[in-house]
Amino acid sequence: MKRSNHTVTAFILLGFTTDPVMQLVLLETFLCVYSVALAGNTTLMVLIFNDYRLYMPMYFFIGNLSFLDLWYSSVYTPKILVTCISEDKSISFAGCVAQFFFSAGLGECYLLAAMAYDRYVAISKPLLYAQAMSRTLCHSLVIYSYTGGFVNAVILTSNTFTLNFCGDNVINDIFCDVPPLVKLACDVKDTYQDVLYFLLASNVIAPSMLILASYLFIIAALLKIRSTQGHLKAFSTCSSHLLSVTLYYGSILYIYSRPSSSYSLERDKTVSAFYTVLFPMLNPMIYSLRNKDVKEALRKLFKLM
């Protein structure tokens, strides 16, 4: 029976499984991960806001990264939790549009690129770091990141939800995303694929090239440092960011850089769960466990409590 996006009033989110026991296990797992993500990112933002020792460009970017992690995980996870425990796995058409829009920004890609540039300046120009990474520049980079994410969300949402959905309204995923929605559409034209590739290039490929260029310059700067201690300090400075970039960009490119004909929705669910639920939990750990300033600020906070 032919459907259009005007007649579809709701979608069904299949989730991972229909087995009640596994659903309970997934509920407990996702709830635990989400709770840790909320606690970790909130704590990191509080530390950065309250401790004067963390009033540095690097921590300013980390604080914004924590905000984005909280934002994205809160867009996805509550509905995932409801899907795990409720027999009603539907999401309204408007709810699907809202979830899609508020999760489609990908402003994190731009922010990770800005953080790579910050690390380059810190290593190559340590004496001029405060002047080069001025407050105005830092705020501008963050504003550009949020603006780029917003523009991406507007373009992607408007193009996706003007497609005609002529098959089932069952989304074989844990949330409303491009691959499963494309599977439901009956009139995916080459122009839509062109939009996807344009957004992939401008929101993922371009920032990743900026990150790569920043690290090439970092390597060139490291070659001028002869001391082993200097190399270790530089590596410690960049290792957390490199790990975040690898995990985030790896999952994003895996899902969105392939043509629609090669999508495997069952396999993509696991990758989607990683960057939407697990990644926001990992970031606070990545940026705090090996950071002396953050650990010292955390000890100070506990003493005050």
Protein backbone atom coordinates (compact mmCIF):
# COMPACT_ATOMS: atom_id res chain seq x y z
CA MET A 1 0.00 0.00 0.00
CA LYS A 2 1.50 3.27 -1.03
CA ARG A 3 2.13 5.78 1.69
CA SER A 4 3.41 9.32 1.64
CA ASN A 5 5.00 11.37 4.33
CA HIS A 6 1.65 13.16 4.72
CA THR A 7 -0.22 9.97 5.71
CA VAL A 8 2.43 8.47 7.99
CA THR A 9 1.55 9.65 11.49
CA ALA A 10 3.97 7.45 13.42
CA PHE A 11 6.95 5.12 13.05
CA ILE A 12 7.76 1.91 14.90
CA LEU A 13 11.27 1.59 16.36
CA LEU A 14 12.23 -2.09 16.37
CA GLY A 15 15.21 -1.65 18.68
CA PHE A 16 17.70 -4.46 19.21
CA THR A 17 15.49 -7.38 20.19
CA THR A 18 11.97 -8.48 21.14
CA ASP A 19 13.18 -10.95 23.77
CA PRO A 20 11.93 -9.68 27.18
CA VAL A 21 15.02 -10.90 29.04
CA MET A 22 17.42 -9.23 26.61
CA GLN A 23 15.32 -6.07 26.67
CA LEU A 24 15.71 -5.93 30.44
CA VAL A 25 19.46 -6.45 30.12
CA LEU A 26 19.68 -3.68 27.53
CA LEU A 27 17.54 -1.39 29.69
CA GLU A 28 19.87 -1.81 32.66
CA THR A 29 22.95 -1.39 30.45
CA PHE A 30 21.73 1.76 28.68
CA LEU A 31 20.44 3.25 31.94
CA CYS A 32 23.81 2.67 33.62
CA VAL A 33 25.75 4.13 30.69
CA TYR A 34 23.43 7.14 30.44
CA SER A 35 23.68 7.81 34.19
CA VAL A 36 27.48 7.72 34.03
CA ALA A 37 27.43 10.01 30.97
CA LEU A 38 25.19 12.52 32.75
CA ALA A 39 27.29 12.47 35.92
CA GLY A 40 30.63 12.58 34.11
CA ASN A 41 29.83 15.37 31.66
CA THR A 42 27.99 17.47 34.23
CA THR A 43 30.86 17.14 36.70
CA LEU A 44 33.41 18.06 34.05
CA MET A 45 31.45 21.18 33.06
CA VAL A 46 31.10 22.22 36.72
CA LEU A 47 34.82 21.79 37.31
CA ILE A 48 35.77 23.81 34.25
CA PHE A 49 33.32 26.57 35.16
CA ASN A 50 34.32 26.83 38.81
CA ASP A 51 38.08 26.17 38.96
CA TYR A 52 40.27 29.08 37.85
CA ARG A 53 43.11 26.67 36.97
CA LEU A 54 40.93 25.33 34.18
CA TYR A 55 40.30 28.74 32.62
CA MET A 56 42.28 27.80 29.53
CA PRO A 57 41.25 27.40 25.87
CA MET A 58 41.75 23.61 25.98
CA TYR A 59 39.30 23.21 28.87
CA PHE A 60 36.89 25.70 27.33
CA PHE A 61 36.61 23.41 24.30
CA ILE A 62 36.38 20.29 26.50
CA GLY A 63 33.52 21.91 28.43
CA ASN A 64 31.63 22.56 25.19
CA LEU A 65 32.33 19.00 24.08
CA SER A 66 30.77 17.78 27.35
CA PHE A 67 27.73 19.97 26.68
CA LEU A 68 27.30 18.46 23.21
CA ASP A 69 27.70 14.95 24.61
CA LEU A 70 24.97 15.66 27.15
CA TRP A 71 22.77 17.12 24.43
CA TYR A 72 23.12 14.23 22.00
CA SER A 73 22.83 11.46 24.57
CA SER A 74 19.70 13.12 26.02
CA VAL A 75 18.14 13.31 22.56
CA TYR A 76 18.62 9.58 21.96
CA THR A 77 18.79 7.63 25.21
CA PRO A 78 15.44 8.38 26.94
CA LYS A 79 13.52 7.09 23.91
CA ILE A 80 15.81 4.05 23.69
CA LEU A 81 15.06 3.29 27.35
CA VAL A 82 11.31 3.60 26.77
CA THR A 83 11.56 1.31 23.75
CA CYS A 84 13.28 -1.33 25.89
CA ILE A 85 10.55 -1.49 28.55
CA SER A 86 7.37 -0.52 26.71
CA GLU A 87 5.23 -2.62 24.41
CA ASP A 88 4.43 0.56 22.53
CA LYS A 89 7.52 1.14 20.41
CA SER A 90 6.00 3.87 18.29
CA ILE A 91 7.31 7.38 17.82
CA SER A 92 5.11 10.06 16.28
CA PHE A 93 6.04 11.57 12.94
CA ALA A 94 6.64 14.93 14.65
CA GLY A 95 8.66 13.21 17.38
CA CYS A 96 10.80 11.48 14.77
CA VAL A 97 11.40 14.80 12.99
CA ALA A 98 12.35 16.47 16.28
CA GLN A 99 14.71 13.66 17.31
CA PHE A 100 16.27 13.68 13.85
CA PHE A 101 16.71 17.47 13.81
CA PHE A 102 18.21 17.80 17.28
CA SER A 103 20.64 14.95 16.64
CA ALA A 104 21.65 15.83 13.08
CA GLY A 105 23.80 18.84 13.89
CA LEU A 106 27.16 17.08 13.99
CA GLY A 107 28.58 20.25 15.53
CA GLU A 108 30.92 17.94 17.40
CA CYS A 109 32.89 17.43 14.18
CA TYR A 110 33.69 21.13 13.96
CA LEU A 111 34.47 21.32 17.66
CA LEU A 112 36.96 18.45 17.43
CA ALA A 113 38.63 20.29 14.54
CA ALA A 114 38.88 23.45 16.66
CA MET A 115 40.41 21.40 19.47
CA ALA A 116 43.01 20.02 17.05
CA TYR A 117 44.00 23.55 16.07
CA ASP A 118 44.23 24.47 19.76
CA ARG A 119 46.62 21.54 20.35
CA TYR A 120 48.74 22.64 17.37
CA VAL A 121 49.10 26.17 18.76
CA ALA A 122 49.87 24.86 22.26
CA ILE A 123 52.72 22.67 20.98
CA SER A 124 54.17 24.79 18.20
CA LYS A 125 53.82 28.21 19.88
CA PRO A 126 53.78 27.60 23.64
CA LEU A 127 55.07 31.09 24.54
CA LEU A 128 52.42 32.79 22.40
CA TYR A 129 49.61 30.35 23.25
CA ALA A 130 47.56 32.77 25.38
CA GLN A 131 47.71 35.49 22.73
CA ALA A 132 47.15 33.17 19.75
CA MET A 133 44.16 31.41 21.35
CA SER A 134 42.42 34.52 22.58
CA ARG A 135 39.02 34.44 24.22
CA THR A 136 37.49 36.04 21.12
CA LEU A 137 38.92 33.35 18.85
CA CYS A 138 37.82 30.54 21.16
CA HIS A 139 34.27 31.86 21.36
CA SER A 140 34.20 32.37 17.58
CA LEU A 141 35.30 28.78 16.91
CA VAL A 142 32.62 27.42 19.22
CA ILE A 143 29.93 29.64 17.66
CA TYR A 144 30.99 28.49 14.19
CA SER A 145 30.75 24.88 15.37
CA TYR A 146 27.21 25.31 16.68
CA THR A 147 26.16 27.30 13.62
CA GLY A 148 27.55 24.68 11.24
CA GLY A 149 25.71 21.98 13.14
CA PHE A 150 22.44 23.94 13.00
CA VAL A 151 22.72 24.54 9.25
CA ASN A 152 23.47 20.85 8.72
CA ALA A 153 20.40 19.89 10.77
CA VAL A 154 18.11 22.20 8.77
CA ILE A 155 19.33 20.94 5.39
CA LEU A 156 19.34 17.26 6.31
CA THR A 157 15.97 17.28 8.10
CA SER A 158 14.16 19.26 5.40
CA ASN A 159 15.46 16.98 2.64
CA THR A 160 14.84 13.71 4.51
CA PHE A 161 11.28 14.35 5.62
CA THR A 162 10.11 15.51 2.20
CA LEU A 163 10.74 11.97 0.93
CA ASN A 164 7.72 9.76 0.31
CA PHE A 165 7.52 6.79 2.67
CA CYS A 166 5.67 4.15 0.71
CA GLY A 167 6.59 0.93 2.53
CA ASP A 168 6.24 -0.08 6.14
CA ASN A 169 6.53 2.55 8.83
CA VAL A 170 8.81 0.23 10.82
CA ILE A 171 12.27 1.70 11.48
CA ASN A 172 14.78 -1.10 11.92
CA ASP A 173 16.93 0.88 14.34
CA ILE A 174 16.98 2.31 17.86
CA PHE A 175 16.25 5.91 16.77
CA CYS A 176 15.30 7.97 13.71
CA ASP A 177 18.36 8.12 11.48
CA VAL A 178 19.20 8.53 7.81
CA PRO A 179 19.90 4.88 6.76
CA PRO A 180 16.68 3.30 8.13
CA LEU A 181 14.52 6.20 6.90
CA VAL A 182 16.05 5.92 3.44
CA LYS A 183 15.11 2.24 3.47
CA LEU A 184 11.45 3.24 3.96
CA ALA A 185 11.41 5.84 1.20
CA CYS A 186 10.26 4.99 -2.30
CA ASP A 187 11.53 8.01 -4.20
CA VAL A 188 15.15 8.48 -3.12
CA LYS A 189 16.57 10.44 -6.02
CA ASP A 190 20.15 11.10 -6.93
CA THR A 191 19.70 14.68 -5.72
CA TYR A 192 19.10 13.41 -2.18
CA GLN A 193 22.23 11.26 -2.32
CA ASP A 194 24.09 14.33 -3.57
CA VAL A 195 22.84 16.28 -0.53
CA LEU A 196 24.07 13.50 1.77
CA TYR A 197 27.50 13.46 0.15
CA PHE A 198 27.70 17.27 0.28
CA LEU A 199 26.87 17.26 3.99
CA LEU A 200 29.30 14.43 4.58
CA ALA A 201 32.04 16.41 2.83
CA SER A 202 31.32 19.71 4.60
CA ASN A 203 30.53 18.35 8.05
CA VAL A 204 32.80 15.33 8.35
CA ILE A 205 35.43 15.17 5.61
CA ALA A 206 36.42 18.86 5.76
CA PRO A 207 36.82 18.93 9.58
CA SER A 208 38.73 15.66 9.45
CA MET A 209 41.10 17.19 6.89
CA LEU A 210 41.61 20.16 9.20
CA ILE A 211 42.39 17.77 12.05
CA LEU A 212 44.83 15.85 9.86
CA ALA A 213 46.54 19.09 8.78
CA SER A 214 46.81 20.22 12.41
CA TYR A 215 48.50 16.98 13.40
CA LEU A 216 50.87 17.11 10.46
CA PHE A 217 51.97 20.53 11.70
CA ILE A 218 52.21 19.10 15.22
CA ILE A 219 54.50 16.33 13.96
CA ALA A 220 56.63 18.93 12.18
CA ALA A 221 56.87 20.90 15.44
CA LEU A 222 57.78 17.77 17.39
CA LEU A 223 60.66 17.07 15.02
CA LYS A 224 62.21 20.31 16.23
CA ILE A 225 61.99 19.19 19.87
CA ARG A 226 64.99 17.06 20.75
CA SER A 227 64.21 16.15 24.35
CA THR A 228 62.36 12.92 25.13
CA GLN A 229 60.50 14.68 27.91
CA GLY A 230 59.20 17.23 25.43
CA HIS A 231 57.95 14.48 23.15
CA LEU A 232 56.19 12.71 26.01
CA LYS A 233 54.55 15.94 27.17
CA ALA A 234 53.32 16.69 23.65
CA PHE A 235 51.99 13.15 23.25
CA SER A 236 50.18 13.42 26.58
CA THR A 237 48.65 16.68 25.43
CA CYS A 238 47.31 15.19 22.19
CA SER A 239 46.53 11.57 23.11
CA SER A 240 43.08 12.25 24.60
CA HIS A 241 41.97 14.29 21.61
CA LEU A 242 43.32 11.71 19.16
CA LEU A 243 41.38 8.96 20.90
CA SER A 244 38.14 10.99 20.77
CA VAL A 245 38.65 11.78 17.09
CA THR A 246 39.36 8.15 16.21
CA LEU A 247 36.30 6.81 18.02
CA TYR A 248 33.86 9.48 16.86
CA TYR A 249 34.94 9.91 13.25
CA GLY A 250 35.42 6.18 12.79
CA SER A 251 31.81 5.40 13.68
CA ILE A 252 30.39 8.40 11.77
CA LEU A 253 32.31 7.61 8.58
CA TYR A 254 31.42 3.94 8.83
CA ILE A 255 27.68 4.66 8.84
CA TYR A 256 27.33 7.68 6.58
CA SER A 257 30.09 7.39 3.98
CA ARG A 258 28.61 4.35 2.22
CA PRO A 259 25.98 4.30 -0.54
CA SER A 260 22.48 3.34 0.61
CA SER A 261 22.63 0.04 -1.26
CA SER A 262 25.35 -1.23 1.09
CA TYR A 263 23.66 -0.34 4.39
CA SER A 264 23.32 -3.20 6.84
CA LEU A 265 20.84 -1.94 9.42
CA GLU A 266 21.41 -4.80 11.85
CA ARG A 267 25.15 -4.15 11.89
CA ASP A 268 24.73 -0.38 11.97
CA LYS A 269 22.60 -0.52 15.14
CA THR A 270 25.63 -1.50 17.19
CA VAL A 271 27.77 1.26 15.72
CA SER A 272 24.94 3.79 16.20
CA ALA A 273 24.59 2.79 19.85
CA PHE A 274 28.32 3.32 20.29
CA TYR A 275 28.51 6.93 19.14
CA THR A 276 25.10 7.98 20.51
CA VAL A 277 25.12 6.28 23.93
CA LEU A 278 28.58 4.95 24.77
CA PHE A 279 30.77 7.73 23.32
CA PRO A 280 29.24 10.50 25.51
CA MET A 281 30.11 8.36 28.55
CA LEU A 282 33.70 7.78 27.43
CA ASN A 283 34.63 11.39 26.68
CA PRO A 284 34.74 12.61 30.32
CA MET A 285 36.93 9.63 31.18
CA ILE A 286 39.21 10.23 28.22
CA TYR A 287 39.77 13.88 29.13
CA SER A 288 39.97 13.55 32.91
CA LEU A 289 41.59 10.27 33.98
CA ARG A 290 45.06 11.26 32.75
CA ASN A 291 44.72 15.00 33.33
CA LYS A 292 46.39 16.26 36.50
CA ASP A 293 44.59 19.63 36.48
CA VAL A 294 41.15 18.01 36.23
CA LYS A 295 41.93 15.44 38.93
CA GLU A 296 43.21 18.17 41.24
CA ALA A 297 40.07 20.26 40.60
CA LEU A 298 37.94 17.19 41.34
CA ARG A 299 39.74 16.60 44.66
CA LYS A 300 39.19 20.25 45.56
CA LEU A 301 35.48 19.93 44.76
CA PHE A 302 35.12 16.84 46.95
CA LYS A 303 36.79 18.66 49.85
CA LEU A 304 34.29 21.49 49.54
CA MET A 305 31.44 18.99 49.59
